[in-house]
Amino acid sequence: MRSNNKGAALAILLLAAAWPDAGLGQSRGPAVDGPAVLGAPYDVGGTTYTPADPVYYDEVGYAALTDAGSRDGKTVTGEAFAPDSVVGAHKTLPLPAYVEVTALDSGRTILGRLNDRGPMANDRIIALSPGAAAQLGVAAGGAVRVRRVNPPEQERAILRSGGRAAERLPTPAPLLKALRAKLPPAPAHAAAPPVRPAKAEPVARSRPGADFDRPSPPTAAPPPKAPPKAVIPAPAPVKATAPDGRYIVQLGAFSTQARAKALAGRVGGRVEQAGALWRVRMGPFATREAAQAALKTAAAKGVENGSVIPHDGR
């Protein structure tokens, strides 16, 4: 495991050379979306990852959680890692990029910004910051859908400033069922620890957007290999618990307040503004069972696409 981590650290250091601002530090204020960069293929643990820029990216799998940037508190794009921001890491998509991430247990969907490489485990498709995981309501190993999107500049600016973009409409139950059916088998081993690369000599950087060559690996003799460790099965994913045990029912989000009020009036809900959207919610409820009962009441009145989500206090 140690040798794999050192290989991952070296790969991350080589990747960082592709970004024009990598290693130069991040000035105060919002992050900046420069030209998206791919970078050269890289190897981690005997697996080669080839960055690509697909027109359409839509995958299901399992999420990892990360509490630090891949380069001593920074991302490969040179940004300071902000744990409360809604950001994530991906192995091959261009950086920066924007994705919608859906929790397949609840149908909840958020918008996130990718600004780092990872997770360096083959059975995880995305690594989420604590802020992203909290907004989505998932724990490590949670089943998710990741879809690349092109959001408006207003939402991009919110994410770059460390804020949260408005949640998307809940995923309909038939679509959730179809997405769950596409999931690969749940991983049976513990997730790899976060990569914390050691300091290395600076490497040459290419101009923005240009291809770059990977420098030769260090010639120093590798350290002795650690004795193999037994593989310990990971615990089953645990659903995130709402603060104070409270839950709410979200019934929809609309671009106009009038439509939201009309739906709220039908079911006895309330209307909350979230950015450019108006959300219709019921609750909060002390238990999930009480929230489920309210959801059934709404369904009996013709509102069938609602969902129970943890109450985040907003």
Protein backbone atom coordinates (compact mmCIF):
# COMPACT_ATOMS: atom_id res chain seq x y z
CA MET A 1 0.00 0.00 0.00
CA ARG A 2 2.84 2.39 0.78
CA SER A 3 4.44 1.89 -2.61
CA ASN A 4 1.10 2.56 -4.30
CA ASN A 5 0.71 5.77 -2.31
CA LYS A 6 4.20 6.93 -3.32
CA GLY A 7 3.38 6.14 -6.94
CA ALA A 8 0.16 8.11 -6.65
CA ALA A 9 2.05 11.01 -5.09
CA LEU A 10 4.56 11.09 -7.95
CA ALA A 11 1.77 10.90 -10.51
CA ILE A 12 -0.03 13.82 -8.88
CA LEU A 13 3.15 15.90 -8.85
CA LEU A 14 3.65 15.23 -12.55
CA LEU A 15 0.03 16.10 -13.28
CA ALA A 16 0.35 19.41 -11.49
CA ALA A 17 2.92 20.56 -14.03
CA ALA A 18 0.17 20.75 -16.67
CA TRP A 19 -1.63 23.63 -14.97
CA PRO A 20 -0.10 27.05 -15.54
CA ASP A 21 -0.77 28.22 -11.97
CA ALA A 22 0.05 24.96 -10.21
CA GLY A 23 2.54 25.43 -7.41
CA LEU A 24 2.32 29.23 -7.56
CA GLY A 25 -0.24 29.54 -4.79
CA GLN A 26 -3.76 30.92 -4.90
CA SER A 27 -4.55 34.57 -4.38
CA ARG A 28 -7.36 35.49 -2.03
CA GLY A 29 -10.83 35.65 -3.48
CA PRO A 30 -12.88 33.35 -5.71
CA ALA A 31 -11.21 30.64 -7.78
CA VAL A 32 -10.78 31.35 -11.48
CA ASP A 33 -11.93 29.15 -14.35
CA GLY A 34 -9.02 29.17 -16.77
CA PRO A 35 -8.86 27.08 -19.94
CA ALA A 36 -9.70 23.46 -19.11
CA VAL A 37 -6.58 21.26 -19.03
CA LEU A 38 -6.35 17.50 -19.58
CA GLY A 39 -2.74 16.55 -18.91
CA ALA A 40 -0.75 13.51 -19.99
CA PRO A 41 -1.63 9.90 -19.13
CA TYR A 42 -0.35 8.80 -15.71
CA ASP A 43 0.13 5.54 -13.82
CA VAL A 44 -1.00 4.71 -10.28
CA GLY A 45 -0.69 1.25 -8.79
CA GLY A 46 -0.15 -0.35 -12.19
CA THR A 47 -3.21 1.31 -13.75
CA THR A 48 -2.84 3.89 -16.51
CA TYR A 49 -5.31 6.78 -16.52
CA THR A 50 -5.72 8.77 -19.73
CA PRO A 51 -7.45 12.16 -19.29
CA ALA A 52 -10.08 12.84 -21.95
CA ASP A 53 -12.62 15.50 -22.89
CA PRO A 54 -15.82 13.60 -23.76
CA VAL A 55 -18.78 15.51 -25.13
CA TYR A 56 -21.06 13.40 -22.94
CA TYR A 57 -20.09 11.89 -19.58
CA ASP A 58 -22.67 10.07 -17.43
CA GLU A 59 -21.55 7.29 -15.06
CA VAL A 60 -22.76 5.52 -11.93
CA GLY A 61 -20.51 4.15 -9.19
CA TYR A 62 -19.30 4.86 -5.68
CA ALA A 63 -17.98 8.05 -4.11
CA ALA A 64 -14.94 8.62 -1.94
CA LEU A 65 -14.53 11.48 0.53
CA THR A 66 -11.44 13.67 0.67
CA ASP A 67 -10.49 16.17 3.36
CA ALA A 68 -7.33 17.54 1.75
CA GLY A 69 -5.97 18.52 -1.64
CA SER A 70 -3.73 16.05 -3.45
CA ARG A 71 -0.67 18.34 -3.13
CA ASP A 72 -0.10 19.32 0.51
CA GLY A 73 -3.37 21.19 0.89
CA LYS A 74 -3.65 22.29 -2.74
CA THR A 75 -5.24 20.79 -5.82
CA VAL A 76 -3.38 20.01 -9.05
CA THR A 77 -4.82 23.22 -10.50
CA GLY A 78 -2.96 25.22 -7.84
CA GLU A 79 -6.03 26.18 -5.79
CA ALA A 80 -6.00 25.97 -2.01
CA PHE A 81 -8.23 23.08 -0.94
CA ALA A 82 -11.41 24.47 0.67
CA PRO A 83 -13.19 21.68 2.59
CA ASP A 84 -16.46 23.61 2.93
CA SER A 85 -16.70 24.30 -0.81
CA VAL A 86 -18.69 22.01 -3.11
CA VAL A 87 -15.73 20.60 -5.03
CA GLY A 88 -14.47 17.19 -6.06
CA ALA A 89 -11.76 15.19 -7.80
CA HIS A 90 -11.94 13.03 -10.92
CA LYS A 91 -9.36 10.80 -12.59
CA THR A 92 -9.77 11.81 -16.24
CA LEU A 93 -12.20 14.69 -16.90
CA PRO A 94 -10.76 18.11 -17.83
CA LEU A 95 -10.05 20.47 -14.94
CA PRO A 96 -11.86 22.56 -14.00
CA ALA A 97 -15.19 20.95 -14.93
CA TYR A 98 -18.74 20.97 -13.56
CA VAL A 99 -20.84 17.92 -12.75
CA GLU A 100 -24.23 17.06 -11.32
CA VAL A 101 -23.90 14.40 -8.62
CA THR A 102 -26.96 12.37 -7.62
CA ALA A 103 -27.21 10.28 -4.45
CA LEU A 104 -28.82 7.04 -5.61
CA ASP A 105 -30.32 6.31 -2.18
CA SER A 106 -32.32 9.55 -1.95
CA GLY A 107 -32.46 10.97 -5.48
CA ARG A 108 -30.97 14.24 -4.25
CA THR A 109 -28.83 16.04 -6.87
CA ILE A 110 -26.30 18.86 -6.46
CA LEU A 111 -23.97 20.83 -8.73
CA GLY A 112 -20.24 20.52 -8.01
CA ARG A 113 -16.94 21.79 -9.42
CA LEU A 114 -14.04 19.43 -10.21
CA ASN A 115 -10.60 20.92 -9.53
CA ASP A 116 -8.36 17.98 -8.61
CA ARG A 117 -7.26 14.50 -9.68
CA GLY A 118 -8.46 11.44 -7.77
CA PRO A 119 -9.65 9.32 -6.14
CA MET A 120 -6.70 6.97 -6.62
CA ALA A 121 -8.83 3.86 -6.12
CA ASN A 122 -10.22 2.00 -9.13
CA ASP A 123 -13.60 1.33 -7.55
CA ARG A 124 -14.44 5.00 -6.84
CA ILE A 125 -15.53 7.35 -9.62
CA ILE A 126 -15.39 10.68 -7.75
CA ALA A 127 -13.97 12.12 -4.52
CA LEU A 128 -16.17 14.67 -2.75
CA SER A 129 -15.13 17.41 -0.34
CA PRO A 130 -16.82 17.53 3.09
CA GLY A 131 -18.94 20.44 1.84
CA ALA A 132 -20.12 18.51 -1.21
CA ALA A 133 -20.85 15.36 0.82
CA ALA A 134 -22.85 17.37 3.36
CA GLN A 135 -24.99 19.06 0.72
CA LEU A 136 -25.60 15.76 -1.07
CA GLY A 137 -26.17 13.79 2.13
CA VAL A 138 -23.83 10.87 1.38
CA ALA A 139 -21.14 9.03 3.32
CA ALA A 140 -17.96 7.40 2.04
CA GLY A 141 -18.80 4.60 -0.37
CA GLY A 142 -22.21 6.03 -1.20
CA ALA A 143 -23.71 5.13 -4.58
CA VAL A 144 -23.82 8.11 -6.93
CA ARG A 145 -24.42 9.19 -10.49
CA VAL A 146 -21.94 11.70 -11.98
CA ARG A 147 -22.99 13.65 -15.06
CA ARG A 148 -20.91 16.39 -16.71
CA VAL A 149 -22.89 19.59 -17.33
CA ASN A 150 -22.38 23.14 -18.57
CA PRO A 151 -24.10 25.36 -15.96
CA PRO A 152 -24.70 29.11 -16.39
CA GLU A 153 -21.99 31.52 -15.26
CA GLN A 154 -24.10 32.61 -12.27
CA GLU A 155 -23.90 29.12 -10.76
CA ARG A 156 -20.23 28.74 -11.68
CA ALA A 157 -19.45 31.95 -9.82
CA ILE A 158 -21.30 30.70 -6.73
CA LEU A 159 -19.22 27.52 -6.63
CA ARG A 160 -15.95 29.36 -7.30
CA SER A 161 -16.73 31.63 -4.34
CA GLY A 162 -17.22 28.66 -2.01
CA GLY A 163 -21.04 28.78 -1.99
CA ARG A 164 -23.69 26.21 -2.83
CA ALA A 165 -25.67 26.25 -6.06
CA ALA A 166 -29.38 25.46 -5.82
CA GLU A 167 -30.22 21.77 -5.64
CA ARG A 168 -31.70 20.17 -8.72
CA LEU A 169 -35.16 18.62 -8.89
CA PRO A 170 -35.40 15.25 -7.14
CA THR A 171 -34.72 12.33 -9.46
CA PRO A 172 -37.94 10.46 -10.39
CA ALA A 173 -38.30 7.03 -8.82
CA PRO A 174 -38.31 5.09 -12.16
CA LEU A 175 -35.03 6.73 -13.21
CA LEU A 176 -33.47 6.05 -9.80
CA LYS A 177 -34.40 2.38 -10.14
CA ALA A 178 -32.79 2.20 -13.58
CA LEU A 179 -29.61 3.90 -12.37
CA ARG A 180 -29.28 1.58 -9.38
CA ALA A 181 -29.56 -1.40 -11.72
CA LYS A 182 -26.45 -0.15 -13.57
CA LEU A 183 -24.30 -0.03 -10.42
CA PRO A 184 -21.28 -2.35 -10.31
CA PRO A 185 -20.96 -4.63 -7.26
CA ALA A 186 -20.19 -2.72 -4.07
CA PRO A 187 -16.45 -2.63 -3.25
CA ALA A 188 -15.42 -5.29 -0.75
CA HIS A 189 -12.28 -3.60 0.52
CA ALA A 190 -11.39 -0.39 2.32
CA ALA A 191 -10.97 2.75 0.29
CA ALA A 192 -7.42 3.97 -0.34
CA PRO A 193 -6.28 6.73 2.04
CA PRO A 194 -6.00 10.26 0.67
CA VAL A 195 -2.85 10.96 -1.31
CA ARG A 196 -0.41 13.22 0.53
CA PRO A 197 2.60 13.54 -1.78
CA ALA A 198 6.03 14.50 -0.49
CA LYS A 199 7.76 17.64 -1.65
CA ALA A 200 9.62 17.34 -4.94
CA GLU A 201 11.86 19.48 -7.10
CA PRO A 202 9.95 21.83 -9.43
CA VAL A 203 9.25 20.51 -12.91
CA ALA A 204 8.89 22.51 -16.10
CA ARG A 205 5.39 23.72 -16.97
CA SER A 206 3.93 24.05 -20.44
CA ARG A 207 2.04 27.12 -21.55
CA PRO A 208 -1.72 27.16 -20.76
CA GLY A 209 -3.65 24.57 -22.72
CA ALA A 210 -0.55 23.01 -24.34
CA ASP A 211 0.40 19.34 -24.14
CA PHE A 212 3.19 18.55 -21.73
CA ASP A 213 5.71 15.77 -21.23
CA ARG A 214 6.12 13.90 -18.02
CA PRO A 215 9.64 14.24 -16.55
CA SER A 216 11.70 11.16 -15.80
CA PRO A 217 10.96 9.54 -12.43
CA PRO A 218 13.45 10.08 -9.57
CA THR A 219 16.53 7.84 -9.68
CA ALA A 220 16.74 7.36 -5.91
CA ALA A 221 16.47 3.79 -4.74
CA PRO A 222 12.94 2.92 -3.58
CA PRO A 223 12.41 2.32 0.15
CA PRO A 224 11.96 -1.25 1.40
CA LYS A 225 8.50 -2.59 0.75
CA ALA A 226 6.27 -2.93 3.76
CA PRO A 227 4.98 -6.42 4.54
CA PRO A 228 1.62 -7.11 2.91
CA LYS A 229 -1.41 -6.27 4.99
CA ALA A 230 -4.61 -8.21 5.15
CA VAL A 231 -7.49 -6.72 3.22
CA ILE A 232 -10.17 -5.56 5.63
CA PRO A 233 -13.73 -5.41 4.27
CA ALA A 234 -15.20 -1.95 4.35
CA PRO A 235 -18.36 -1.39 6.39
CA ALA A 236 -21.58 -1.05 4.49
CA PRO A 237 -22.36 2.53 3.38
CA VAL A 238 -24.21 4.42 6.09
CA LYS A 239 -26.88 6.92 5.19
CA ALA A 240 -26.14 10.42 6.40
CA THR A 241 -28.08 11.41 9.50
CA ALA A 242 -29.79 14.76 9.60
CA PRO A 243 -28.75 17.25 12.31
CA ASP A 244 -30.85 16.79 15.45
CA GLY A 245 -32.58 13.84 13.73
CA ARG A 246 -34.76 16.12 11.62
CA TYR A 247 -35.96 15.49 8.09
CA ILE A 248 -37.87 17.40 5.44
CA VAL A 249 -39.90 16.47 2.39
CA GLN A 250 -38.89 18.23 -0.82
CA LEU A 251 -41.63 18.21 -3.44
CA GLY A 252 -40.18 20.31 -6.25
CA ALA A 253 -38.32 23.42 -7.36
CA PHE A 254 -39.67 26.04 -9.75
CA SER A 255 -38.36 29.06 -11.61
CA THR A 256 -41.42 31.13 -10.62
CA GLN A 257 -42.76 31.81 -7.14
CA ALA A 258 -46.36 31.58 -8.32
CA ARG A 259 -46.03 27.95 -9.43
CA ALA A 260 -44.28 27.04 -6.21
CA LYS A 261 -47.03 28.66 -4.10
CA ALA A 262 -49.68 26.81 -6.09
CA LEU A 263 -48.11 23.44 -5.29
CA ALA A 264 -47.50 24.38 -1.65
CA GLY A 265 -51.15 25.31 -1.28
CA ARG A 266 -52.25 21.89 -2.53
CA VAL A 267 -50.24 19.94 0.02
CA GLY A 268 -49.91 22.36 2.94
CA GLY A 269 -46.22 22.93 2.34
CA ARG A 270 -44.04 26.03 2.41
CA VAL A 271 -42.01 27.89 -0.22
CA GLU A 272 -38.28 28.64 0.17
CA GLN A 273 -36.11 30.64 -2.20
CA ALA A 274 -32.80 29.03 -3.25
CA GLY A 275 -30.94 31.24 -5.69
CA ALA A 276 -32.99 31.53 -8.86
CA LEU A 277 -35.35 28.71 -7.81
CA TRP A 278 -38.34 28.41 -5.47
CA ARG A 279 -38.48 25.12 -3.54
CA VAL A 280 -41.60 23.53 -2.08
CA ARG A 281 -40.98 21.68 1.18
CA MET A 282 -42.85 20.12 4.11
CA GLY A 283 -41.48 19.80 7.63
CA PRO A 284 -39.07 19.57 9.34
CA PHE A 285 -40.07 16.28 10.98
CA ALA A 286 -38.46 14.70 14.03
CA THR A 287 -38.17 11.25 12.44
CA ARG A 288 -37.79 9.79 8.97
CA GLU A 289 -41.00 7.82 9.52
CA ALA A 290 -42.97 11.03 10.07
CA ALA A 291 -41.46 12.53 6.93
CA GLN A 292 -42.35 9.40 4.94
CA ALA A 293 -45.94 9.69 6.15
CA ALA A 294 -46.09 13.29 4.91
CA LEU A 295 -44.61 12.18 1.59
CA LYS A 296 -47.39 9.59 1.21
CA THR A 297 -49.97 12.28 1.97
CA ALA A 298 -48.52 14.47 -0.78
CA ALA A 299 -48.51 11.53 -3.20
CA ALA A 300 -52.19 10.93 -2.46
CA LYS A 301 -52.79 14.51 -3.60
CA GLY A 302 -51.04 13.91 -6.92
CA VAL A 303 -47.47 14.96 -6.06
CA GLU A 304 -45.48 11.79 -6.78
CA ASN A 305 -41.87 12.93 -7.26
CA GLY A 306 -41.11 14.11 -3.74
CA SER A 307 -38.28 12.81 -1.57
CA VAL A 308 -37.24 12.72 2.08
CA ILE A 309 -33.90 14.43 2.73
CA PRO A 310 -31.92 15.41 5.83
CA HIS A 311 -32.75 18.88 7.11
CA ASP A 312 -29.61 20.99 6.60
CA GLY A 313 -30.87 23.96 8.60
CA ARG A 314 -31.22 26.22 5.54
